[in-house]
PDB file of N, CA and C in Angstrom:
ATOM      1  N   MET A   1      -6.176  -2.615  -5.153  1.00  0.00           N
ATOM      2  CA  MET A   1      -6.053  -3.953  -4.614  1.00  0.00           C
ATOM      3  C   MET A   1      -5.993  -3.766  -2.986  1.00  0.00           C
ATOM      4  N   TRP A   2      -6.755  -4.599  -2.301  1.00  0.00           N
ATOM      5  CA  TRP A   2      -6.741  -4.669  -0.879  1.00  0.00           C
ATOM      6  C   TRP A   2      -5.703  -5.738  -0.615  1.00  0.00           C
ATOM      7  N   ILE A   3      -4.784  -5.527   0.344  1.00  0.00           N
ATOM      8  CA  ILE A   3      -3.884  -6.547   0.901  1.00  0.00           C
ATOM      9  C   ILE A   3      -4.027  -6.649   2.433  1.00  0.00           C
ATOM     10  N   PHE A   4      -4.502  -7.794   2.809  1.00  0.00           N
ATOM     11  CA  PHE A   4      -4.581  -8.053   4.319  1.00  0.00           C
ATOM     12  C   PHE A   4      -3.503  -8.952   4.823  1.00  0.00           C
ATOM     13  N   LEU A   5      -2.570  -8.290   5.585  1.00  0.00           N
ATOM     14  CA  LEU A   5      -1.495  -9.161   6.034  1.00  0.00           C
ATOM     15  C   LEU A   5      -1.817  -9.149   7.619  1.00  0.00           C
ATOM     16  N   THR A   6      -0.945 -10.177   8.190  1.00  0.00           N
ATOM     17  CA  THR A   6      -1.209 -10.244   9.724  1.00  0.00           C
ATOM     18  C   THR A   6      -0.978  -9.101  10.560  1.00  0.00           C
ATOM     19  N   ASP A   7      -0.092  -8.088  10.007  1.00  0.00           N
ATOM     20  CA  ASP A   7       0.132  -7.015  10.782  1.00  0.00           C
ATOM     21  C   ASP A   7      -0.044  -5.725  10.101  1.00  0.00           C
ATOM     22  N   ALA A   8      -0.735  -5.715   8.809  1.00  0.00           N
ATOM     23  CA  ALA A   8      -0.904  -4.588   8.036  1.00  0.00           C
ATOM     24  C   ALA A   8      -2.129  -4.698   7.102  1.00  0.00           C
ATOM     25  N   PHE A   9      -2.779  -3.736   6.853  1.00  0.00           N
ATOM     26  CA  PHE A   9      -3.785  -3.733   5.783  1.00  0.00           C
ATOM     27  C   PHE A   9      -3.490  -2.581   4.787  1.00  0.00           C
ATOM     28  N   LEU A  10      -3.231  -2.780   3.471  1.00  0.00           N
ATOM     29  CA  LEU A  10      -2.896  -1.856   2.514  1.00  0.00           C
ATOM     30  C   LEU A  10      -3.897  -1.779   1.482  1.00  0.00           C
ATOM     31  N   SER A  11      -4.168  -0.588   0.906  1.00  0.00           N
ATOM     32  CA  SER A  11      -4.837  -0.318  -0.462  1.00  0.00           C
ATOM     33  C   SER A  11      -3.842   0.077  -1.553  1.00  0.00           C
ATOM     34  N   ILE A  12      -3.650  -0.624  -2.462  1.00  0.00           N
ATOM     35  CA  ILE A  12      -2.558  -0.367  -3.511  1.00  0.00           C
ATOM     36  C   ILE A  12      -3.230  -0.101  -4.862  1.00  0.00           C
ATOM     37  N   LEU A  13      -2.898   1.065  -5.388  1.00  0.00           N
ATOM     38  CA  LEU A  13      -3.574   1.416  -6.778  1.00  0.00           C
ATOM     39  C   LEU A  13      -2.706   2.313  -7.442  1.00  0.00           C
ATOM     40  N   ASP A  14      -3.130   2.407  -8.733  1.00  0.00           N
ATOM     41  CA  ASP A  14      -2.382   3.273  -9.782  1.00  0.00           C
ATOM     42  C   ASP A  14      -3.201   4.542  -9.869  1.00  0.00           C
ATOM     43  N   LYS A  15      -2.826   5.566  -9.129  1.00  0.00           N
ATOM     44  CA  LYS A  15      -3.669   6.818  -9.187  1.00  0.00           C
ATOM     45  C   LYS A  15      -2.852   7.862  -9.773  1.00  0.00           C
ATOM     46  N   ASP A  16      -3.373   8.689 -10.679  1.00  0.00           N
ATOM     47  CA  ASP A  16      -2.819   9.785 -11.354  1.00  0.00           C
ATOM     48  C   ASP A  16      -1.860   9.419 -12.398  1.00  0.00           C
ATOM     49  N   GLY A  17      -2.049   8.160 -12.832  1.00  0.00           N
ATOM     50  CA  GLY A  17      -1.314   7.649 -14.165  1.00  0.00           C
ATOM     51  C   GLY A  17       0.322   7.720 -13.915  1.00  0.00           C
ATOM     52  N   ASP A  18       0.849   7.618 -12.857  1.00  0.00           N
ATOM     53  CA  ASP A  18       2.272   7.501 -12.827  1.00  0.00           C
ATOM     54  C   ASP A  18       2.707   6.160 -13.121  1.00  0.00           C
ATOM     55  N   ALA A  19       3.517   5.908 -14.221  1.00  0.00           N
ATOM     56  CA  ALA A  19       3.798   4.474 -14.666  1.00  0.00           C
ATOM     57  C   ALA A  19       4.907   3.840 -13.853  1.00  0.00           C
ATOM     58  N   THR A  20       5.568   4.617 -12.921  1.00  0.00           N
ATOM     59  CA  THR A  20       6.767   4.076 -12.165  1.00  0.00           C
ATOM     60  C   THR A  20       6.354   3.785 -10.872  1.00  0.00           C
ATOM     61  N   THR A  21       5.420   4.363 -10.333  1.00  0.00           N
ATOM     62  CA  THR A  21       5.015   4.147  -8.887  1.00  0.00           C
ATOM     63  C   THR A  21       3.649   3.760  -8.637  1.00  0.00           C
ATOM     64  N   LEU A  22       3.414   3.213  -7.429  1.00  0.00           N
ATOM     65  CA  LEU A  22       1.857   2.870  -7.124  1.00  0.00           C
ATOM     66  C   LEU A  22       1.620   3.665  -5.821  1.00  0.00           C
ATOM     67  N   LEU A  23       0.386   3.958  -5.574  1.00  0.00           N
ATOM     68  CA  LEU A  23      -0.016   4.586  -4.263  1.00  0.00           C
ATOM     69  C   LEU A  23      -0.434   3.552  -3.352  1.00  0.00           C
ATOM     70  N   VAL A  24       0.327   3.501  -2.206  1.00  0.00           N
ATOM     71  CA  VAL A  24       0.178   2.616  -1.138  1.00  0.00           C
ATOM     72  C   VAL A  24      -0.633   3.288  -0.032  1.00  0.00           C
ATOM     73  N   ARG A  25      -1.796   2.838   0.318  1.00  0.00           N
ATOM     74  CA  ARG A  25      -2.529   3.634   1.362  1.00  0.00           C
ATOM     75  C   ARG A  25      -2.778   2.703   2.590  1.00  0.00           C
ATOM     76  N   ALA A  26      -2.956   3.334   3.727  1.00  0.00           N
ATOM     77  CA  ALA A  26      -3.300   2.464   4.929  1.00  0.00           C
ATOM     78  C   ALA A  26      -4.211   3.330   5.906  1.00  0.00           C
ATOM     79  N   ARG A  27      -4.942   2.659   6.687  1.00  0.00           N
ATOM     80  CA  ARG A  27      -5.836   3.303   7.561  1.00  0.00           C
ATOM     81  C   ARG A  27      -5.225   3.505   9.008  1.00  0.00           C
ATOM     82  N   ARG A  28      -4.236   2.686   9.255  1.00  0.00           N
ATOM     83  CA  ARG A  28      -3.540   2.735  10.618  1.00  0.00           C
ATOM     84  C   ARG A  28      -2.056   3.061  10.492  1.00  0.00           C
ATOM     85  N   ALA A  29      -1.583   3.820  11.459  1.00  0.00           N
ATOM     86  CA  ALA A  29      -0.136   4.174  11.502  1.00  0.00           C
ATOM     87  C   ALA A  29       0.754   3.088  11.548  1.00  0.00           C
ATOM     88  N   GLY A  30       1.824   3.139  10.811  1.00  0.00           N
ATOM     89  CA  GLY A  30       2.882   2.058  10.768  1.00  0.00           C
ATOM     90  C   GLY A  30       2.641   0.900   9.843  1.00  0.00           C
ATOM     91  N   ASP A  31       1.411   0.721   9.393  1.00  0.00           N
ATOM     92  CA  ASP A  31       1.187  -0.310   8.332  1.00  0.00           C
ATOM     93  C   ASP A  31       2.022  -0.237   7.117  1.00  0.00           C
ATOM     94  N   ILE A  32       2.032   0.865   6.534  1.00  0.00           N
ATOM     95  CA  ILE A  32       2.983   0.999   5.306  1.00  0.00           C
ATOM     96  C   ILE A  32       4.382   0.767   5.656  1.00  0.00           C
ATOM     97  N   GLU A  33       4.935   1.281   6.734  1.00  0.00           N
ATOM     98  CA  GLU A  33       6.239   1.224   7.106  1.00  0.00           C
ATOM     99  C   GLU A  33       6.709  -0.118   7.445  1.00  0.00           C
ATOM    100  N   ARG A  34       5.710  -0.930   8.055  1.00  0.00           N
ATOM    101  CA  ARG A  34       6.058  -2.456   8.368  1.00  0.00           C
ATOM    102  C   ARG A  34       6.293  -3.070   7.062  1.00  0.00           C
ATOM    103  N   VAL A  35       5.754  -2.901   5.921  1.00  0.00           N
ATOM    104  CA  VAL A  35       6.013  -3.489   4.596  1.00  0.00           C
ATOM    105  C   VAL A  35       6.934  -2.888   3.800  1.00  0.00           C
ATOM    106  N   PHE A  36       7.097  -1.593   3.882  1.00  0.00           N
ATOM    107  CA  PHE A  36       7.886  -0.825   3.101  1.00  0.00           C
ATOM    108  C   PHE A  36       8.805   0.132   4.005  1.00  0.00           C
ATOM    109  N   PRO A  37       9.786  -0.436   4.696  1.00  0.00           N
ATOM    110  CA  PRO A  37      10.657   0.404   5.590  1.00  0.00           C
ATOM    111  C   PRO A  37      11.255   1.490   4.688  1.00  0.00           C
ATOM    112  N   GLY A  38      11.386   2.631   5.377  1.00  0.00           N
ATOM    113  CA  GLY A  38      11.896   3.844   4.716  1.00  0.00           C
ATOM    114  C   GLY A  38      10.961   4.569   3.769  1.00  0.00           C
ATOM    115  N   ALA A  39       9.856   4.089   3.618  1.00  0.00           N
ATOM    116  CA  ALA A  39       8.721   4.790   2.857  1.00  0.00           C
ATOM    117  C   ALA A  39       8.412   6.263   3.395  1.00  0.00           C
ATOM    118  N   GLU A  40       8.251   7.231   2.534  1.00  0.00           N
ATOM    119  CA  GLU A  40       7.859   8.551   2.942  1.00  0.00           C
ATOM    120  C   GLU A  40       6.434   8.582   2.989  1.00  0.00           C
ATOM    121  N   VAL A  41       5.979   8.425   4.258  1.00  0.00           N
ATOM    122  CA  VAL A  41       4.496   8.258   4.397  1.00  0.00           C
ATOM    123  C   VAL A  41       3.889   9.656   4.696  1.00  0.00           C
ATOM    124  N   ILE A  42       2.845  10.000   4.124  1.00  0.00           N
ATOM    125  CA  ILE A  42       2.177  11.385   4.229  1.00  0.00           C
ATOM    126  C   ILE A  42       0.920  11.026   5.023  1.00  0.00           C
ATOM    127  N   GLU A  43       0.688  11.806   6.167  1.00  0.00           N
ATOM    128  CA  GLU A  43      -0.588  11.638   6.911  1.00  0.00           C
ATOM    129  C   GLU A  43      -1.678  12.719   6.578  1.00  0.00           C
ATOM    130  N   GLY A  44      -2.774  12.425   6.527  1.00  0.00           N
ATOM    131  CA  GLY A  44      -3.893  13.230   6.396  1.00  0.00           C
ATOM    132  C   GLY A  44      -3.672  14.063   4.952  1.00  0.00           C
ATOM    133  N   ALA A  45      -4.014  13.528   3.897  1.00  0.00           N
ATOM    134  CA  ALA A  45      -4.078  14.168   2.665  1.00  0.00           C
ATOM    135  C   ALA A  45      -5.442  14.482   2.284  1.00  0.00           C
ATOM    136  N   GLY A  46      -6.432  14.424   3.159  1.00  0.00           N
ATOM    137  CA  GLY A  46      -7.817  14.935   2.887  1.00  0.00           C
ATOM    138  C   GLY A  46      -8.690  13.821   2.256  1.00  0.00           C
ATOM    139  N   THR A  47      -8.262  12.657   2.275  1.00  0.00           N
ATOM    140  CA  THR A  47      -9.156  11.518   1.691  1.00  0.00           C
ATOM    141  C   THR A  47      -9.454  10.486   2.857  1.00  0.00           C
ATOM    142  N   ASP A  48     -10.133   9.434   2.476  1.00  0.00           N
ATOM    143  CA  ASP A  48     -10.589   8.569   3.454  1.00  0.00           C
ATOM    144  C   ASP A  48      -9.526   7.734   4.045  1.00  0.00           C
ATOM    145  N   TYR A  49      -8.247   7.448   3.289  1.00  0.00           N
ATOM    146  CA  TYR A  49      -7.168   6.798   3.898  1.00  0.00           C
ATOM    147  C   TYR A  49      -6.206   7.782   4.585  1.00  0.00           C
ATOM    148  N   ARG A  50      -6.045   7.706   5.749  1.00  0.00           N
ATOM    149  CA  ARG A  50      -5.176   8.682   6.632  1.00  0.00           C
ATOM    150  C   ARG A  50      -3.690   8.774   6.216  1.00  0.00           C
ATOM    151  N   TYR A  51      -3.157   7.565   5.851  1.00  0.00           N
ATOM    152  CA  TYR A  51      -1.750   7.294   5.472  1.00  0.00           C
ATOM    153  C   TYR A  51      -1.611   6.938   4.017  1.00  0.00           C
ATOM    154  N   ARG A  52      -0.474   7.628   3.338  1.00  0.00           N
ATOM    155  CA  ARG A  52      -0.294   7.254   1.971  1.00  0.00           C
ATOM    156  C   ARG A  52       1.207   7.445   1.624  1.00  0.00           C
ATOM    157  N   ALA A  53       1.623   6.653   0.566  1.00  0.00           N
ATOM    158  CA  ALA A  53       2.985   6.800   0.129  1.00  0.00           C
ATOM    159  C   ALA A  53       3.108   6.395  -1.360  1.00  0.00           C
ATOM    160  N   ARG A  54       3.923   7.013  -2.089  1.00  0.00           N
ATOM    161  CA  ARG A  54       4.128   6.614  -3.509  1.00  0.00           C
ATOM    162  C   ARG A  54       5.346   5.720  -3.392  1.00  0.00           C
ATOM    163  N   ILE A  55       5.264   4.570  -4.027  1.00  0.00           N
ATOM    164  CA  ILE A  55       6.395   3.608  -3.910  1.00  0.00           C
ATOM    165  C   ILE A  55       6.565   2.932  -5.322  1.00  0.00           C
ATOM    166  N   ASP A  56       7.730   2.711  -5.618  1.00  0.00           N
ATOM    167  CA  ASP A  56       8.104   2.190  -6.855  1.00  0.00           C
ATOM    168  C   ASP A  56       7.400   0.872  -7.060  1.00  0.00           C
ATOM    169  N   ARG A  57       6.951   0.758  -8.315  1.00  0.00           N
ATOM    170  CA  ARG A  57       6.121  -0.500  -8.705  1.00  0.00           C
ATOM    171  C   ARG A  57       6.756  -1.684  -8.434  1.00  0.00           C
ATOM    172  N   GLU A  58       8.112  -1.827  -8.761  1.00  0.00           N
ATOM    173  CA  GLU A  58       8.963  -3.028  -8.645  1.00  0.00           C
ATOM    174  C   GLU A  58       9.157  -3.341  -7.253  1.00  0.00           C
ATOM    175  N   GLU A  59       9.274  -2.265  -6.395  1.00  0.00           N
ATOM    176  CA  GLU A  59       9.475  -2.508  -5.040  1.00  0.00           C
ATOM    177  C   GLU A  59       8.077  -3.104  -4.347  1.00  0.00           C
ATOM    178  N   VAL A  60       6.974  -2.622  -4.766  1.00  0.00           N
ATOM    179  CA  VAL A  60       5.710  -3.143  -4.433  1.00  0.00           C
ATOM    180  C   VAL A  60       5.613  -4.574  -4.813  1.00  0.00           C
ATOM    181  N   ALA A  61       5.966  -4.863  -5.948  1.00  0.00           N
ATOM    182  CA  ALA A  61       5.764  -6.226  -6.422  1.00  0.00           C
ATOM    183  C   ALA A  61       6.844  -7.177  -5.722  1.00  0.00           C
ATOM    184  N   GLN A  62       7.969  -6.861  -5.417  1.00  0.00           N
ATOM    185  CA  GLN A  62       8.990  -7.463  -4.637  1.00  0.00           C
ATOM    186  C   GLN A  62       8.577  -7.736  -3.261  1.00  0.00           C
ATOM    187  N   ARG A  63       8.025  -6.728  -2.588  1.00  0.00           N
ATOM    188  CA  ARG A  63       7.591  -6.886  -1.230  1.00  0.00           C
ATOM    189  C   ARG A  63       6.314  -7.795  -1.023  1.00  0.00           C
ATOM    190  N   MET A  64       5.482  -7.755  -2.013  1.00  0.00           N
ATOM    191  CA  MET A  64       4.370  -8.624  -2.102  1.00  0.00           C
ATOM    192  C   MET A  64       4.651 -10.070  -2.232  1.00  0.00           C
ATOM    193  N   ALA A  65       5.759 -10.301  -3.137  1.00  0.00           N
ATOM    194  CA  ALA A  65       6.314 -11.597  -3.359  1.00  0.00           C
ATOM    195  C   ALA A  65       6.954 -12.200  -2.042  1.00  0.00           C
ATOM    196  N   GLU A  66       7.611 -11.362  -1.326  1.00  0.00           N
ATOM    197  CA  GLU A  66       8.283 -11.694  -0.158  1.00  0.00           C
ATOM    198  C   GLU A  66       7.208 -12.109   0.881  1.00  0.00           C
ATOM    199  N   GLN A  67       6.106 -11.420   0.993  1.00  0.00           N
ATOM    200  CA  GLN A  67       5.052 -11.673   1.965  1.00  0.00           C
ATOM    201  C   GLN A  67       4.504 -13.211   1.555  1.00  0.00           C
ATOM    202  N   VAL A  68       4.259 -13.413   0.227  1.00  0.00           N
ATOM    203  CA  VAL A  68       3.794 -14.684  -0.104  1.00  0.00           C
ATOM    204  C   VAL A  68       4.847 -15.856   0.236  1.00  0.00           C
ATOM    205  N   ARG A  69       6.018 -15.508  -0.107  1.00  0.00           N
ATOM    206  CA  ARG A  69       7.015 -16.605   0.222  1.00  0.00           C
ATOM    207  C   ARG A  69       7.198 -16.748   1.738  1.00  0.00           C
ATOM    208  N   GLY A  70       6.891 -15.901   2.432  1.00  0.00           N
ATOM    209  CA  GLY A  70       7.021 -16.008   3.936  1.00  0.00           C
ATOM    210  C   GLY A  70       5.793 -16.619   4.614  1.00  0.00           C
ATOM    211  N   ILE A  71       4.700 -17.050   3.845  1.00  0.00           N
ATOM    212  CA  ILE A  71       3.613 -17.591   4.603  1.00  0.00           C
ATOM    213  C   ILE A  71       3.973 -18.961   5.342  1.00  0.00           C
ATOM    214  N   ARG A  72       3.656 -19.047   6.531  1.00  0.00           N
ATOM    215  CA  ARG A  72       4.129 -20.165   7.437  1.00  0.00           C
ATOM    216  C   ARG A  72       2.967 -20.545   8.307  1.00  0.00           C
ATOM    217  N   TYR A  73       1.631 -20.310   7.854  1.00  0.00           N
ATOM    218  CA  TYR A  73       0.519 -20.533   8.788  1.00  0.00           C
ATOM    219  C   TYR A  73      -0.385 -21.408   7.993  1.00  0.00           C
ATOM    220  N   ALA A  74      -1.249 -22.013   8.733  1.00  0.00           N
ATOM    221  CA  ALA A  74      -2.365 -22.800   8.143  1.00  0.00           C
ATOM    222  C   ALA A  74      -3.748 -22.153   8.311  1.00  0.00           C
ATOM    223  N   ASN A  75      -3.722 -21.195   9.164  1.00  0.00           N
ATOM    224  CA  ASN A  75      -4.997 -20.368   9.394  1.00  0.00           C
ATOM    225  C   ASN A  75      -4.553 -18.863   9.490  1.00  0.00           C
ATOM    226  N   PHE A  76      -4.951 -18.055   8.493  1.00  0.00           N
ATOM    227  CA  PHE A  76      -4.582 -16.567   8.663  1.00  0.00           C
ATOM    228  C   PHE A  76      -5.121 -15.951   9.829  1.00  0.00           C
ATOM    229  N   LYS A  77      -6.403 -16.024  10.098  1.00  0.00           N
ATOM    230  CA  LYS A  77      -7.107 -15.290  11.183  1.00  0.00           C
ATOM    231  C   LYS A  77      -6.350 -15.575  12.476  1.00  0.00           C
ATOM    232  N   ALA A  78      -5.933 -16.781  12.684  1.00  0.00           N
ATOM    233  CA  ALA A  78      -5.346 -17.166  13.925  1.00  0.00           C
ATOM    234  C   ALA A  78      -3.954 -16.587  14.244  1.00  0.00           C
ATOM    235  N   THR A  79      -3.319 -15.938  13.246  1.00  0.00           N
ATOM    236  CA  THR A  79      -2.035 -15.390  13.211  1.00  0.00           C
ATOM    237  C   THR A  79      -2.022 -13.762  13.559  1.00  0.00           C
ATOM    238  N   VAL A  80      -3.239 -13.268  13.406  1.00  0.00           N
ATOM    239  CA  VAL A  80      -3.420 -11.819  13.685  1.00  0.00           C
ATOM    240  C   VAL A  80      -3.265 -11.458  15.140  1.00  0.00           C
ATOM    241  N   LYS A  81      -2.361 -10.883  15.631  1.00  0.00           N
ATOM    242  CA  LYS A  81      -1.982 -10.736  17.107  1.00  0.00           C
ATOM    243  C   LYS A  81      -2.912  -9.462  17.567  1.00  0.00           C
ATOM    244  N   ASP A  82      -2.871  -8.418  16.818  1.00  0.00           N
ATOM    245  CA  ASP A  82      -3.727  -7.278  17.332  1.00  0.00           C
ATOM    246  C   ASP A  82      -5.164  -7.576  17.226  1.00  0.00           C
ATOM    247  N   SER A  83      -5.821  -7.505  18.528  1.00  0.00           N
ATOM    248  CA  SER A  83      -7.222  -7.899  18.509  1.00  0.00           C
ATOM    249  C   SER A  83      -8.206  -6.995  17.720  1.00  0.00           C
ATOM    250  N   ARG A  84      -7.756  -5.595  17.790  1.00  0.00           N
ATOM    251  CA  ARG A  84      -8.618  -4.695  17.001  1.00  0.00           C
ATOM    252  C   ARG A  84      -8.617  -5.001  15.492  1.00  0.00           C
ATOM    253  N   ARG A  85      -7.415  -5.129  15.019  1.00  0.00           N
ATOM    254  CA  ARG A  85      -7.171  -5.556  13.632  1.00  0.00           C
ATOM    255  C   ARG A  85      -7.869  -6.887  13.308  1.00  0.00           C
ATOM    256  N   GLY A  86      -7.834  -7.936  14.172  1.00  0.00           N
ATOM    257  CA  GLY A  86      -8.350  -9.164  14.018  1.00  0.00           C
ATOM    258  C   GLY A  86      -9.872  -9.201  13.906  1.00  0.00           C
ATOM    259  N   GLU A  87     -10.456  -8.256  14.882  1.00  0.00           N
ATOM    260  CA  GLU A  87     -12.003  -8.127  14.709  1.00  0.00           C
ATOM    261  C   GLU A  87     -12.299  -7.575  13.459  1.00  0.00           C
ATOM    262  N   ALA A  88     -11.650  -6.502  13.037  1.00  0.00           N
ATOM    263  CA  ALA A  88     -11.974  -5.923  11.777  1.00  0.00           C
ATOM    264  C   ALA A  88     -11.868  -6.903  10.626  1.00  0.00           C
ATOM    265  N   TYR A  89     -10.797  -7.733  10.469  1.00  0.00           N
ATOM    266  CA  TYR A  89     -10.456  -8.835   9.468  1.00  0.00           C
ATOM    267  C   TYR A  89     -11.764  -9.862   9.643  1.00  0.00           C
ATOM    268  N   LEU A  90     -12.153 -10.271  10.744  1.00  0.00           N
ATOM    269  CA  LEU A  90     -13.135 -11.150  10.843  1.00  0.00           C
ATOM    270  C   LEU A  90     -14.460 -10.623  10.283  1.00  0.00           C
ATOM    271  N   ASP A  91     -14.775  -9.326  10.589  1.00  0.00           N
ATOM    272  CA  ASP A  91     -16.036  -8.612   9.927  1.00  0.00           C
ATOM    273  C   ASP A  91     -15.935  -8.731   8.450  1.00  0.00           C
ATOM    274  N   VAL A  92     -14.731  -8.520   7.892  1.00  0.00           N
ATOM    275  CA  VAL A  92     -14.613  -8.593   6.452  1.00  0.00           C
ATOM    276  C   VAL A  92     -14.796  -9.922   5.924  1.00  0.00           C
ATOM    277  N   TRP A  93     -14.199 -10.972   6.729  1.00  0.00           N
ATOM    278  CA  TRP A  93     -14.330 -12.425   6.418  1.00  0.00           C
ATOM    279  C   TRP A  93     -15.723 -12.782   6.276  1.00  0.00           C
ATOM    280  N   ASP A  94     -16.535 -12.327   7.354  1.00  0.00           N
ATOM    281  CA  ASP A  94     -17.998 -12.657   7.521  1.00  0.00           C
ATOM    282  C   ASP A  94     -18.832 -12.004   6.322  1.00  0.00           C
ATOM    283  N   VAL A  95     -18.512 -10.904   5.976  1.00  0.00           N
ATOM    284  CA  VAL A  95     -19.277 -10.177   4.877  1.00  0.00           C
ATOM    285  C   VAL A  95     -18.968 -10.982   3.584  1.00  0.00           C
ATOM    286  N   MET A  96     -17.767 -11.349   3.435  1.00  0.00           N
ATOM    287  CA  MET A  96     -17.414 -12.057   2.157  1.00  0.00           C
ATOM    288  C   MET A  96     -17.926 -13.599   2.057  1.00  0.00           C
ATOM    289  N   ARG A  97     -18.014 -14.197   3.356  1.00  0.00           N
ATOM    290  CA  ARG A  97     -18.651 -15.359   3.541  1.00  0.00           C
ATOM    291  C   ARG A  97     -20.058 -15.411   3.205  1.00  0.00           C
ATOM    292  N   GLN A  98     -20.695 -14.326   3.687  1.00  0.00           N
ATOM    293  CA  GLN A  98     -22.289 -14.077   3.276  1.00  0.00           C
ATOM    294  C   GLN A  98     -22.347 -13.904   1.764  1.00  0.00           C
ATOM    295  N   ALA A  99     -21.300 -13.292   0.983  1.00  0.00           N
ATOM    296  CA  ALA A  99     -21.320 -13.092  -0.464  1.00  0.00           C
ATOM    297  C   ALA A  99     -21.047 -14.315  -1.273  1.00  0.00           C
ATOM    298  N   GLN A 100     -20.567 -15.388  -0.553  1.00  0.00           N
ATOM    299  CA  GLN A 100     -20.174 -16.605  -1.320  1.00  0.00           C
ATOM    300  C   GLN A 100     -21.313 -17.193  -2.033  1.00  0.00           C
ATOM    301  N   GLU A 101     -21.107 -17.558  -3.170  1.00  0.00           N
ATOM    302  CA  GLU A 101     -22.302 -18.216  -4.057  1.00  0.00           C
ATOM    303  C   GLU A 101     -22.490 -19.639  -3.618  1.00  0.00           C
TER     304      GLU A 101
END
């Protein structure tokens, strides 16, 4: 699952069949920690995502629910303060717009 937040982009998946944790990955430093303070983040594990952490499934679910409950905007793109992140998100938005049926 890809999660686009105003200040973090995460890839969350069930890798290696661990029933109690999920693998949370990020491309930019600090993204995982912003959503999961205290996470033990590993940098550079030889894959395409530079940052990763194993996090308890229930904590992941709780933090994602908190993110949804905290939505206070009418336009997501307008709330992204980091220009580099905003440009990347806009590129994804445009690709998905083009894929719209």
